[in-house]
C-alpha cells in the first residue's frame, strides 16, 4: 500500500480561472449580505464603514501579496501547513492543520451549510421545524438540543459537494467557476438595482456610536470575516497548472475583485438606506432590495445568498481537504487520510473525513461557539505565516522564488503588526473565548508527539 500511495499523486487539473474562482467564490459567502449592520453600529457613519472596508481589503491584499511568494516558491498541497512547517518546524504546521481539521475549516463549512438552510426557510418555513429534541444539556446555555429538518438538508448539501469533489479536482473546479460567475452576476444585479433604480435616502444623522479604537477593531474583525478565505487557493497548490504563475495571479486578482465587489455593494446599500436603517436591518441587502423593487427583491437576495454560500461551501471543501491530506502525507495524522484515489487523483479519504466531521458539527449546533474560540489562535497562525516570508528569506535564501512580495518587507510587516493588534484586542475583549481557543488547539500536542514518535 505504501508503494501505491507514492505512485498515485494529485494531478494538476486546475487552471488560472479555477484558481481565481476559488479565491472569489470562497471569500464571498454570506458576509457581504450581513456584516455592514455590525460595522456601522461599531463606527457610526457610512464614511467610516468604507474606511474599514478599504483598510480590511488592503490588509487582505498585503496578506495575499505575501502568500503569493510562499505559494509560488512551495506549490504543495496544504498551504499554510507547508509554509509554517518550513519556516518554524513541523510542530507549528501540525497545530495549524489540527485547527483547520477539527474547528476552523470544518466549523466554517458547517456555518455555511447552516446559513444556506436559514435562507431557504424564507421559501420553505417548515425546514425550521424541530423533528427531535435531545434531552441532554447540549444546546445553547445548557438547554436541550433541538434537531431541525434544515440541519439534515445542510448535512446532505455538504456530503453532496464532497461527492462532487471526490470525482476529480477538475469537476470541483468547473463547478466553482460556474457558481462563482452566477454569484457575481447576481451581486452585480443587486448593486445596479440599488445605485441606478434605488431612490437615495433623505439626509439622516449617523448612528449614535462615537468612534473608538475598540469600535474600529471590532468593525475590522467583521470586515475581515467577510474577506476571510482569500488564502484557501494555496491549499490546492499541488493541483494548479503552472503554479508559479497562476497562484500569485489568482491571489492578487481574486482579492482585488472581492474588494471592488464589496465596495460597490456597500455603495448601493448606503445609497438607498441611511446609516440608522442599515444599523437596524439584520439582512441589509434584503432590506435595500425590498425598498427598491418590493418583496420579490428580498426573495432575489435570498437566492443570491444561497448561490453565494453554495460557491463558498464548494470552495471550502475543495481546498480544506488538502490540509489533513498534507499532514497525513508527512505522517502527522491518520495514515489513511494520505491516500489518493487511483481513478480520480483526489485525496478521497481526506475529503470524506473533513466533510463528515463538518456535517456532524451542523447537527451538533455547537460549531459557532467552537469557531469563536479559535479566531484568536487562528490570527496568531495567520500572522506567523505572513512573517514566514521574512523568516524564509533569512533561513533559506537560495529557495527559488518565481514571485517576490511587492514592497518587501513593508507589506508583510504591516500585516503582522495588524494581526498582533487584532490578537491583543480579541484577548482583552474576549479573554475566556481566546484562552479556550488556545487550549483547544494545544489539545493536539499529545497527538503530535504520538505521531512524531511513530515516524522514527
Protein backbone atom coordinates (compact mmCIF):
# COMPACT_ATOMS: atom_id res chain seq x y z
CA UNK A 1 0.00 0.00 0.00
CA UNK A 2 2.82 2.41 0.77
CA UNK A 3 4.35 2.00 -2.66
CA UNK A 4 0.95 2.65 -4.28
CA UNK A 5 0.47 5.85 -2.32
CA UNK A 6 3.84 7.08 -3.61
CA UNK A 7 2.91 6.36 -7.21
CA UNK A 8 -0.57 7.86 -7.14
CA UNK A 9 -0.26 11.62 -6.92
CA UNK A 10 -2.60 14.56 -7.04
CA UNK A 11 -2.98 15.87 -10.58
CA UNK A 12 -2.59 19.46 -11.82
CA UNK A 13 -6.04 19.90 -13.34
CA UNK A 14 -6.91 23.40 -12.09
CA UNK A 15 -6.27 26.33 -14.41
CA UNK A 16 -5.95 30.04 -13.64
CA UNK A 17 -9.69 30.74 -13.82
CA UNK A 18 -10.43 27.86 -11.49
CA UNK A 19 -7.88 29.24 -9.03
CA UNK A 20 -9.38 32.75 -9.20
CA UNK A 21 -12.86 31.27 -8.75
CA UNK A 22 -11.66 29.54 -5.55
CA UNK A 23 -10.47 32.89 -4.19
CA UNK A 24 -13.56 34.90 -5.13
CA UNK A 25 -16.08 32.11 -4.60
CA UNK A 26 -14.72 31.09 -1.20
CA UNK A 27 -14.36 34.63 0.16
CA UNK A 28 -17.81 35.90 -0.84
CA UNK A 29 -20.24 33.91 1.27
CA UNK A 30 -22.98 35.44 3.40
CA UNK A 31 -20.82 38.18 4.95
CA UNK A 32 -21.48 40.86 2.33
CA UNK A 33 -25.23 40.47 2.90
CA UNK A 34 -24.98 40.78 6.70
CA UNK A 35 -21.91 42.45 8.21
CA UNK A 36 -22.50 46.12 7.17
CA UNK A 37 -25.01 46.31 10.03
CA UNK A 38 -22.46 45.23 12.65
CA UNK A 39 -19.87 47.56 11.15
CA UNK A 40 -21.99 50.72 11.13
CA UNK A 41 -23.10 50.02 14.70
CA UNK A 42 -19.43 49.97 15.70
CA UNK A 43 -18.11 53.01 13.80
CA UNK A 44 -21.26 55.13 13.44
CA UNK A 45 -21.09 56.56 9.92
CA UNK A 46 -21.10 55.24 6.33
CA UNK A 47 -17.81 57.01 5.58
CA UNK A 48 -16.08 55.14 8.40
CA UNK A 49 -17.64 51.87 7.22
CA UNK A 50 -15.97 52.44 3.85
CA UNK A 51 -12.68 53.26 5.60
CA UNK A 52 -12.90 49.92 7.42
CA UNK A 53 -13.77 48.04 4.21
CA UNK A 54 -10.82 49.61 2.38
CA UNK A 55 -8.44 49.03 5.29
CA UNK A 56 -9.56 45.41 5.64
CA UNK A 57 -9.27 44.91 1.89
CA UNK A 58 -5.78 46.39 1.74
CA UNK A 59 -4.76 44.27 4.73
CA UNK A 60 -6.04 41.16 2.96
CA UNK A 61 -4.17 42.26 -0.16
CA UNK A 62 -0.96 42.60 1.92
CA UNK A 63 -1.54 39.03 3.06
CA UNK A 64 -2.25 37.86 -0.49
CA UNK A 65 0.92 39.50 -1.83
CA UNK A 66 2.94 37.82 0.94
CA UNK A 67 1.27 34.44 0.44
CA UNK A 68 1.92 34.72 -3.30
CA UNK A 69 5.67 34.49 -2.70
CA UNK A 70 5.26 31.47 -0.44
CA UNK A 71 2.80 29.73 -2.77
CA UNK A 72 4.97 30.22 -5.85
CA UNK A 73 8.09 29.01 -4.02
CA UNK A 74 6.38 25.97 -2.44
CA UNK A 75 3.42 24.91 -4.62
CA UNK A 76 2.45 21.94 -2.45
CA UNK A 77 -0.87 20.74 -1.04
CA UNK A 78 -1.67 22.19 2.35
CA UNK A 79 -0.98 25.92 2.01
CA UNK A 80 -0.15 27.44 5.39
CA UNK A 81 0.64 23.99 6.77
CA UNK A 82 3.63 23.78 4.41
CA UNK A 83 4.79 27.37 4.96
CA UNK A 84 4.68 27.09 8.77
CA UNK A 85 6.42 23.71 8.64
CA UNK A 86 9.27 25.05 6.53
CA UNK A 87 9.68 28.30 8.47
CA UNK A 88 9.24 27.18 12.08
CA UNK A 89 9.29 23.39 12.08
CA UNK A 90 6.70 20.60 11.90
CA UNK A 91 5.02 21.41 15.25
CA UNK A 92 3.60 24.73 14.04
CA UNK A 93 2.45 23.23 10.76
CA UNK A 94 0.71 20.48 12.71
CA UNK A 95 -1.04 22.91 15.07
CA UNK A 96 -2.35 24.84 12.06
CA UNK A 97 -3.59 21.67 10.37
CA UNK A 98 -5.12 20.38 13.61
CA UNK A 99 -7.04 23.65 13.98
CA UNK A 100 -8.24 23.57 10.37
CA UNK A 101 -9.44 19.98 10.54
CA UNK A 102 -11.33 20.00 13.82
CA UNK A 103 -12.59 23.57 14.19
CA UNK A 104 -11.68 26.32 11.73
CA UNK A 105 -12.34 24.80 8.31
CA UNK A 106 -14.89 22.21 9.44
CA UNK A 107 -16.67 24.86 11.53
CA UNK A 108 -16.69 27.24 8.58
CA UNK A 109 -18.19 24.56 6.33
CA UNK A 110 -20.85 23.81 8.96
CA UNK A 111 -21.64 27.51 9.34
CA UNK A 112 -22.04 27.95 5.57
CA UNK A 113 -24.32 24.92 5.27
CA UNK A 114 -26.48 26.17 8.13
CA UNK A 115 -26.62 29.63 6.56
CA UNK A 116 -27.84 28.03 3.33
CA UNK A 117 -30.71 26.33 5.15
CA UNK A 118 -31.59 29.55 7.04
CA UNK A 119 -32.05 31.42 3.75
CA UNK A 120 -34.02 28.51 2.29
CA UNK A 121 -36.51 28.75 5.18
CA UNK A 122 -37.71 32.01 3.58
CA UNK A 123 -39.30 29.81 0.92
CA UNK A 124 -39.89 26.64 2.97
CA UNK A 125 -40.57 27.64 6.61
CA UNK A 126 -41.17 24.00 7.60
CA UNK A 127 -37.38 23.42 7.36
CA UNK A 128 -37.06 25.29 10.65
CA UNK A 129 -39.27 22.73 12.35
CA UNK A 130 -37.85 20.52 15.10
CA UNK A 131 -38.01 16.79 14.37
CA UNK A 132 -36.31 15.63 17.58
CA UNK A 133 -35.06 17.12 20.86
CA UNK A 134 -32.05 15.52 22.51
CA UNK A 135 -32.89 15.51 26.25
CA UNK A 136 -29.35 16.46 27.27
CA UNK A 137 -27.85 19.90 28.09
CA UNK A 138 -26.16 20.17 24.69
CA UNK A 139 -27.99 23.23 23.36
CA UNK A 140 -27.45 26.93 23.99
CA UNK A 141 -27.00 27.84 27.66
CA UNK A 142 -27.30 24.21 28.70
CA UNK A 143 -30.76 23.71 27.18
CA UNK A 144 -31.83 20.50 25.39
CA UNK A 145 -30.56 20.29 21.80
CA UNK A 146 -33.20 20.79 19.09
CA UNK A 147 -32.59 19.00 15.80
CA UNK A 148 -34.23 20.66 12.79
CA UNK A 149 -35.14 19.39 9.34
CA UNK A 150 -32.99 22.11 7.78
CA UNK A 151 -29.93 20.73 9.53
CA UNK A 152 -30.43 17.46 7.69
CA UNK A 153 -30.55 19.44 4.44
CA UNK A 154 -27.32 21.22 5.39
CA UNK A 155 -25.64 17.89 6.08
CA UNK A 156 -26.86 16.49 2.77
CA UNK A 157 -25.51 19.55 0.93
CA UNK A 158 -22.05 19.08 2.47
CA UNK A 159 -21.98 15.39 1.56
CA UNK A 160 -23.22 16.12 -1.97
CA UNK A 161 -20.39 18.61 -2.58
CA UNK A 162 -17.93 16.16 -1.01
CA UNK A 163 -19.04 13.68 -3.67
CA UNK A 164 -18.60 16.26 -6.44
CA UNK A 165 -15.03 16.97 -5.31
CA UNK A 166 -14.27 13.28 -4.78
CA UNK A 167 -14.69 12.67 -8.52
CA UNK A 168 -11.86 14.98 -9.53
CA UNK A 169 -10.48 18.43 -8.81
CA UNK A 170 -11.34 19.40 -12.39
CA UNK A 171 -15.04 18.76 -11.74
CA UNK A 172 -14.89 20.63 -8.44
CA UNK A 173 -13.07 23.50 -10.15
CA UNK A 174 -15.58 23.68 -13.00
CA UNK A 175 -18.48 23.78 -10.52
CA UNK A 176 -16.62 26.54 -8.67
CA UNK A 177 -16.20 28.62 -11.84
CA UNK A 178 -19.87 28.31 -12.85
CA UNK A 179 -21.40 29.12 -9.45
CA UNK A 180 -18.91 31.96 -8.87
CA UNK A 181 -19.87 33.58 -12.19
CA UNK A 182 -23.57 33.26 -11.29
CA UNK A 183 -22.88 34.67 -7.83
CA UNK A 184 -21.00 37.71 -9.16
CA UNK A 185 -23.74 38.38 -11.73
CA UNK A 186 -26.44 38.28 -9.06
CA UNK A 187 -24.49 40.63 -6.76
CA UNK A 188 -23.94 42.93 -9.76
CA UNK A 189 -27.71 42.93 -10.31
CA UNK A 190 -28.24 43.94 -6.66
CA UNK A 191 -25.65 46.73 -6.96
CA UNK A 192 -27.14 48.10 -10.20
CA UNK A 193 -30.66 47.94 -8.77
CA UNK A 194 -29.59 49.95 -5.74
CA UNK A 195 -27.43 52.56 -7.49
CA UNK A 196 -29.40 53.01 -10.73
CA UNK A 197 -33.00 52.44 -9.66
CA UNK A 198 -33.00 53.00 -5.90
CA UNK A 199 -34.14 56.33 -4.50
CA UNK A 200 -31.48 58.00 -2.40
CA UNK A 201 -32.42 58.18 1.26
CA UNK A 202 -33.14 61.51 2.89
CA UNK A 203 -30.29 63.14 4.83
CA UNK A 204 -30.02 61.45 8.22
CA UNK A 205 -27.65 61.59 11.19
CA UNK A 206 -25.04 58.95 11.82
CA UNK A 207 -25.66 56.09 14.21
CA UNK A 208 -25.15 57.48 17.75
CA UNK A 209 -21.99 55.47 18.48
CA UNK A 210 -18.82 57.53 18.96
CA UNK A 211 -15.81 56.17 17.11
CA UNK A 212 -13.30 54.45 19.38
CA UNK A 213 -10.21 52.32 18.77
CA UNK A 214 -12.05 49.29 20.16
CA UNK A 215 -15.02 50.02 17.88
CA UNK A 216 -12.76 50.33 14.83
CA UNK A 217 -11.10 46.98 15.55
CA UNK A 218 -14.49 45.34 16.21
CA UNK A 219 -15.72 46.59 12.83
CA UNK A 220 -12.44 45.46 11.25
CA UNK A 221 -12.94 41.95 12.64
CA UNK A 222 -16.39 41.88 10.98
CA UNK A 223 -14.87 43.04 7.69
CA UNK A 224 -12.04 40.52 7.87
CA UNK A 225 -14.59 37.77 8.49
CA UNK A 226 -16.23 38.80 5.20
CA UNK A 227 -12.79 38.85 3.49
CA UNK A 228 -11.72 35.55 5.04
CA UNK A 229 -10.83 32.78 2.59
CA UNK A 230 -8.52 34.56 0.13
CA UNK A 231 -5.73 32.21 1.29
CA UNK A 232 -7.61 28.99 0.50
CA UNK A 233 -6.31 28.63 -3.04
CA UNK A 234 -2.81 27.99 -1.66
CA UNK A 235 -4.13 24.77 -0.09
CA UNK A 236 -4.64 23.25 -3.56
CA UNK A 237 -1.31 24.47 -4.93
CA UNK A 238 -0.23 20.96 -5.94
CA UNK A 239 -3.24 20.70 -8.30
CA UNK A 240 -2.87 24.03 -10.12
CA UNK A 241 -1.27 24.18 -13.56
CA UNK A 242 1.75 26.49 -13.83
CA UNK A 243 1.54 27.28 -10.09
CA UNK A 244 4.48 29.68 -10.09
CA UNK A 245 2.48 31.97 -12.40
CA UNK A 246 -1.15 31.09 -11.60
CA UNK A 247 -1.02 31.20 -7.79
CA UNK A 248 0.24 34.81 -7.45
CA UNK A 249 -2.18 35.95 -10.16
CA UNK A 250 -5.13 34.18 -8.53
CA UNK A 251 -4.33 35.50 -5.05
CA UNK A 252 -3.87 39.11 -6.19
CA UNK A 253 -6.58 39.32 -8.89
CA UNK A 254 -9.11 37.45 -6.76
CA UNK A 255 -8.54 39.67 -3.71
CA UNK A 256 -8.77 42.86 -5.79
CA UNK A 257 -12.01 41.62 -7.35
CA UNK A 258 -13.53 40.93 -3.93
CA UNK A 259 -12.55 44.41 -2.66
CA UNK A 260 -14.24 46.02 -5.69
CA UNK A 261 -17.41 43.92 -5.27
CA UNK A 262 -17.67 44.70 -1.55
CA UNK A 263 -17.22 48.44 -2.04
CA UNK A 264 -19.81 48.51 -4.84
CA UNK A 265 -22.33 46.56 -2.74
CA UNK A 266 -21.89 48.89 0.22
CA UNK A 267 -22.25 51.91 -2.04
CA UNK A 268 -25.65 50.54 -3.11
CA UNK A 269 -26.72 49.81 0.48
CA UNK A 270 -25.86 53.27 1.78
CA UNK A 271 -27.34 54.98 -1.28
CA UNK A 272 -30.80 53.57 -0.55
CA UNK A 273 -30.62 53.16 3.24
CA UNK A 274 -29.46 55.61 5.90
CA UNK A 275 -26.87 54.57 8.47
CA UNK A 276 -29.61 54.11 11.08
CA UNK A 277 -31.64 51.93 8.68
CA UNK A 278 -28.59 49.80 7.91
CA UNK A 279 -27.92 49.51 11.65
CA UNK A 280 -31.46 48.26 12.27
CA UNK A 281 -31.53 45.77 9.35
CA UNK A 282 -30.27 42.25 10.19
CA UNK A 283 -30.34 41.47 6.44
CA UNK A 284 -29.09 44.67 4.85
CA UNK A 285 -29.17 43.57 1.20
CA UNK A 286 -32.72 42.23 1.53
CA UNK A 287 -33.87 45.47 3.20
CA UNK A 288 -32.36 47.52 0.38
CA UNK A 289 -33.88 45.40 -2.40
CA UNK A 290 -37.29 45.44 -0.72
CA UNK A 291 -37.23 49.24 -0.85
CA UNK A 292 -36.19 49.25 -4.49
CA UNK A 293 -38.44 46.58 -6.06
CA UNK A 294 -40.62 45.17 -3.27
CA UNK A 295 -40.89 41.71 -1.73
CA UNK A 296 -39.63 39.85 -4.77
CA UNK A 297 -36.38 41.78 -4.47
CA UNK A 298 -35.87 40.47 -0.94
CA UNK A 299 -36.52 36.95 -2.25
CA UNK A 300 -33.95 37.56 -5.01
CA UNK A 301 -31.38 38.42 -2.33
CA UNK A 302 -32.14 35.13 -0.56
CA UNK A 303 -31.49 33.25 -3.82
CA UNK A 304 -28.28 35.22 -4.40
CA UNK A 305 -27.15 34.49 -0.84
CA UNK A 306 -27.80 30.75 -1.25
CA UNK A 307 -25.83 30.62 -4.51
CA UNK A 308 -23.06 32.65 -2.88
CA UNK A 309 -22.97 30.26 0.08
CA UNK A 310 -23.04 27.25 -2.27
CA UNK A 311 -19.92 28.51 -4.05
CA UNK A 312 -18.14 29.27 -0.77
CA UNK A 313 -19.06 25.82 0.53
CA UNK A 314 -17.73 24.05 -2.55
CA UNK A 315 -14.50 26.05 -2.46
CA UNK A 316 -14.05 25.36 1.25
CA UNK A 317 -14.41 21.60 0.82
CA UNK A 318 -12.19 21.56 -2.29
CA UNK A 319 -9.37 23.48 -0.59
CA UNK A 320 -9.79 22.47 3.05
CA UNK A 321 -9.45 18.73 2.43
CA UNK A 322 -5.87 19.24 1.23
CA UNK A 323 -4.66 20.27 4.71
CA UNK A 324 -5.30 16.97 6.58
CA UNK A 325 -4.05 15.18 3.47
CA UNK A 326 -0.75 17.08 3.67
CA UNK A 327 -0.43 16.31 7.39
CA UNK A 328 -1.07 12.62 6.83
CA UNK A 329 1.42 12.55 3.97
CA UNK A 330 4.02 13.77 6.47
CA UNK A 331 2.84 11.01 8.85
CA UNK A 332 1.48 13.53 11.36
CA UNK A 333 -2.15 12.43 11.02
CA UNK A 334 -4.11 9.25 10.44
CA UNK A 335 -2.29 7.33 7.70
CA UNK A 336 -5.41 6.53 5.65
CA UNK A 337 -6.07 10.27 5.12
CA UNK A 338 -2.96 10.42 2.89
CA UNK A 339 -4.46 8.02 0.34
CA UNK A 340 -5.03 9.36 -3.17
CA UNK A 341 -7.82 7.83 -5.24
CA UNK A 342 -6.30 5.94 -8.17
CA UNK A 343 -9.12 6.74 -10.60
CA UNK A 344 -9.74 10.41 -9.82
CA UNK A 345 -6.42 11.51 -8.31
CA UNK A 346 -8.12 13.21 -5.35
CA UNK A 347 -7.48 12.82 -1.60
CA UNK A 348 -10.74 10.93 -1.25
CA UNK A 349 -10.36 9.84 2.36
CA UNK A 350 -9.44 13.38 3.44
CA UNK A 351 -12.43 14.85 1.59
CA UNK A 352 -14.71 12.31 3.26
CA UNK A 353 -13.21 12.81 6.74
CA UNK A 354 -13.45 16.61 6.67
CA UNK A 355 -16.95 16.60 5.19
CA UNK A 356 -18.40 14.00 7.56
CA UNK A 357 -16.99 15.84 10.57
CA UNK A 358 -18.35 19.17 9.29
CA UNK A 359 -21.75 17.54 8.74
CA UNK A 360 -21.74 16.31 12.34
CA UNK A 361 -20.94 19.85 13.52
CA UNK A 362 -24.06 21.03 11.69
CA UNK A 363 -26.11 18.51 13.67
CA UNK A 364 -24.49 19.37 16.98
CA UNK A 365 -25.38 23.02 16.84
CA UNK A 366 -22.19 23.88 18.76
CA UNK A 367 -19.93 24.89 15.85
CA UNK A 368 -20.42 28.67 16.26
CA UNK A 369 -19.05 28.57 19.78
CA UNK A 370 -16.08 26.46 18.71
CA UNK A 371 -15.38 28.80 15.81
CA UNK A 372 -15.45 31.82 18.13
CA UNK A 373 -12.93 30.13 20.39
CA UNK A 374 -10.45 29.55 17.58
CA UNK A 375 -10.44 33.01 15.94
CA UNK A 376 -7.85 34.29 18.41
CA UNK A 377 -5.35 31.50 17.79
CA UNK A 378 -6.05 31.41 14.04
CA UNK A 379 -4.89 35.00 13.69
CA UNK A 380 -1.70 34.14 15.55
CA UNK A 381 -1.06 31.49 12.88
CA UNK A 382 -2.03 33.85 10.01
CA UNK A 383 0.46 36.41 11.33
CA UNK A 384 3.14 33.74 11.71
CA UNK A 385 2.52 32.56 8.14
CA UNK A 386 2.98 36.04 6.71
CA UNK A 387 6.09 36.53 8.87
CA UNK A 388 7.35 33.29 7.29
CA UNK A 389 8.13 35.32 4.16
CA UNK A 390 10.79 37.16 6.17
CA UNK A 391 11.90 34.07 8.12
CA UNK A 392 12.44 32.04 4.95
CA UNK A 393 14.29 34.87 3.20
CA UNK A 394 16.82 34.56 6.05
CA UNK A 395 16.61 30.81 6.66
CA UNK A 396 16.52 29.70 3.00
CA UNK A 397 17.99 32.50 0.89
CA UNK A 398 18.59 30.13 -2.05
CA UNK A 399 14.97 28.93 -2.24
CA UNK A 400 13.72 29.58 -5.80
CA UNK A 401 11.22 32.48 -5.67
CA UNK A 402 9.45 32.93 -9.02
CA UNK A 403 7.42 35.75 -7.43
CA UNK A 404 8.70 38.09 -4.72
CA UNK A 405 6.45 40.07 -2.40
CA UNK A 406 5.85 43.64 -3.54
CA UNK A 407 7.35 46.31 -1.23
CA UNK A 408 9.14 43.69 0.87
CA UNK A 409 9.45 43.78 3.87
CA UNK A 410 6.96 46.63 4.43
CA UNK A 411 3.78 44.75 3.46
CA UNK A 412 4.50 41.57 5.45
CA UNK A 413 5.49 43.63 8.49
CA UNK A 414 2.30 45.74 8.19
CA UNK A 415 0.16 42.61 8.04
CA UNK A 416 1.93 41.08 11.05
CA UNK A 417 1.56 44.28 13.11
CA UNK A 418 -2.17 44.48 12.43
CA UNK A 419 -2.52 40.76 13.18
CA UNK A 420 -0.81 41.33 16.54
CA UNK A 421 -3.17 44.24 17.24
CA UNK A 422 -6.20 42.12 16.40
CA UNK A 423 -4.97 39.28 18.59
CA UNK A 424 -4.39 41.60 21.55
CA UNK A 425 -7.74 43.34 21.01
CA UNK A 426 -9.54 39.98 20.92
CA UNK A 427 -7.67 38.81 24.02
CA UNK A 428 -8.78 41.87 26.01
CA UNK A 429 -12.36 41.87 24.65
CA UNK A 430 -12.95 38.11 24.91
CA UNK A 431 -10.34 36.60 27.25
CA UNK A 432 -12.37 33.49 28.04
CA UNK A 433 -13.01 32.57 24.39
CA UNK A 434 -9.42 33.39 23.42
CA UNK A 435 -7.85 31.23 26.10
CA UNK A 436 -10.30 28.38 25.47
CA UNK A 437 -9.41 28.58 21.78
CA UNK A 438 -5.73 28.27 22.57
CA UNK A 439 -6.49 25.41 24.95
CA UNK A 440 -8.41 23.50 22.29
CA UNK A 441 -5.62 23.91 19.77
CA UNK A 442 -2.93 22.74 22.16
CA UNK A 443 -5.01 19.64 22.86
CA UNK A 444 -3.40 18.46 19.66
CA UNK A 445 0.04 18.32 21.26
CA UNK A 446 -0.29 14.74 22.62
CA UNK A 447 -1.36 13.56 19.17
CA UNK A 448 1.57 15.38 17.57
CA UNK A 449 4.13 13.73 19.83
CA UNK A 450 2.44 10.34 19.34
CA UNK A 451 2.64 10.58 15.53
CA UNK A 452 6.13 12.06 15.74
CA UNK A 453 7.34 9.01 17.71
CA UNK A 454 5.75 6.69 15.14
CA UNK A 455 7.72 8.40 12.36
CA UNK A 456 11.04 7.38 13.93
